[in-house]
Amino acid sequence: MMSRPSIEAERSVVSHPAARATAPAPPQKVEGHVVALTAPGSFEAEQYRTLNLVLERMQPGRPLRVIAVSSPAVGDGKTTTTVNLAVTMAQNPAARVLLVDADVRRPAVGRKLGLGKVRLPGLVELIADPSLGIGGLARRVGPANLSVLLAGRSHADPFDVLRSPRFEEFLRQARESYDSVVLDTPPLLMVPDCRQLSAWVDGILLVVAAHRTPRRLVEEALNVMEPDRLVGLVFNGDDRPLSGYYRSYRAYGYPPRLARAAARRPRLR
């Protein structure tokens, strides 16, 4: 079954050489949960578009150009949310979007997008070698204007990668080259990685598994975050009844197969 994130905002909701990605990645099987690619006409995919719209309107005059996505613990659905959000952003043909797998310890972006299980060069190599550029390592997946920078090969000290001055420089270059940068980061409470890079991003989305993530972990995660960096909470797997929405979407013209996805859709509130 497909997961169904929803977002609860804490506030009002709302061609550079480096951006030239390498040749498109060879076509592979994209995971079904990446509905922005596998089922773009579904109700779930519509909700990721709603989430994107919320983020665009969140802070007029101060756009959220660089967004990190994290969670209190493992298995909350942060990578699924990250990938769907980035793909949705890239559906705007005028937007240059960079999706970064910054979870060097347990990278999953490549697997979600069907790039295989082999750890290809990416962020680790970019930080280690000043001669490398984003465009030389990023891969095109899905929309032509979506570039994906994988985590790279394993590193003896993943935290050292994210606290390196080179990482801050990488984000500076990414800001200049892309309209939006979305980072999949490690869980907040497991390791200090996301807290380390919070000073360099415009906001953090916290993904919580509905009915699964203990409340105390959510509270602890909120306590360790910088309050001004929290964009909102995304509830994944929210399965409250939505029969009214189901009927409305059938009436509006969604095929029954897609309309039934409303039972596990992303919801914004």
Foldseek 3Di string as FASTA:
>chain_A
DAKAKEWDFPAQFFADVLQAADEAQPDFDADPNLCVFVPVPFQQLVVLLVNLGRQHTVDPPDHFAEEEEAALAPPLCRLSSLNNNQSSQVVPVVFQEEEEALALVDWCNCVNQGNDDDFAAFLQVCQVDVVDGNRHQWHDGHRRRYTYTYSHDHDPDSLCSQLDPSNLVNLVVCVVRGRHYYYYYYHVNPDPRCVNCLVSGQAYEYGGEPPPRDPVSVVVSCVSHDVRRHGTYMYMRDQDDDVVQLVVVVVVPDPNVSSVCVRRHYHYD
